[in-house]
Amino acid sequence: MKKINIIFCLFISFLIAGCQNSENSTIKNLEQNNIPDYTPGSEDIIGMNGEIENIERFKEFLNNVEKGKNDNIRVVIYTVEGDPMLHELEYDGEVIKSTTDTRRDKFGEGSIINTTCTSIEVVETTERTDYILEGCENGLDNTVLVTGK
């Protein structure tokens, strides 16, 4: 009888441990790692479910880079699960400093990647337009934004 009670208690313990709310544990992980909450800004370029908000601000940034005028923007792309991935671009008149922050993506790498690039290339196809950082120090995929037609 004691063996049955011990097995029952272990079973209940595993059941309770398995039913933890993953959302709460993710929030705890963010707090433990001192990752600040993302607060949307009025000038943020937002990509969610294939829709782009504030694309005019992004095009203004491209125009300023072309003219050699200092500017900075933040592009926020939401994952399918709804997690924001931040991409900050700062143009100083010569180079574009890029900071990609994926720490809020529950299923991603959870890292910050910094690089310096020389330009943004616009690649247009019949289905979409890709905006890609060029001349970057890293060899990673430096796609900033993808818009549909």
Foldseek 3Di string as FASTA:
>chain_A
DVVVVVVVVVVVVVVVVVPDDVVVVLVVVCVVVVPDDDDDDPCEWEAEPQDTPNVVSVVVVQVCLVVLHWDKYWYWYADPVGFTWIWIWTRPSAKIWIWTAPLRPPPDPGDIDIKIAGHWDWDDDQFKIWTATHRIPDPDGRTDDIHTD
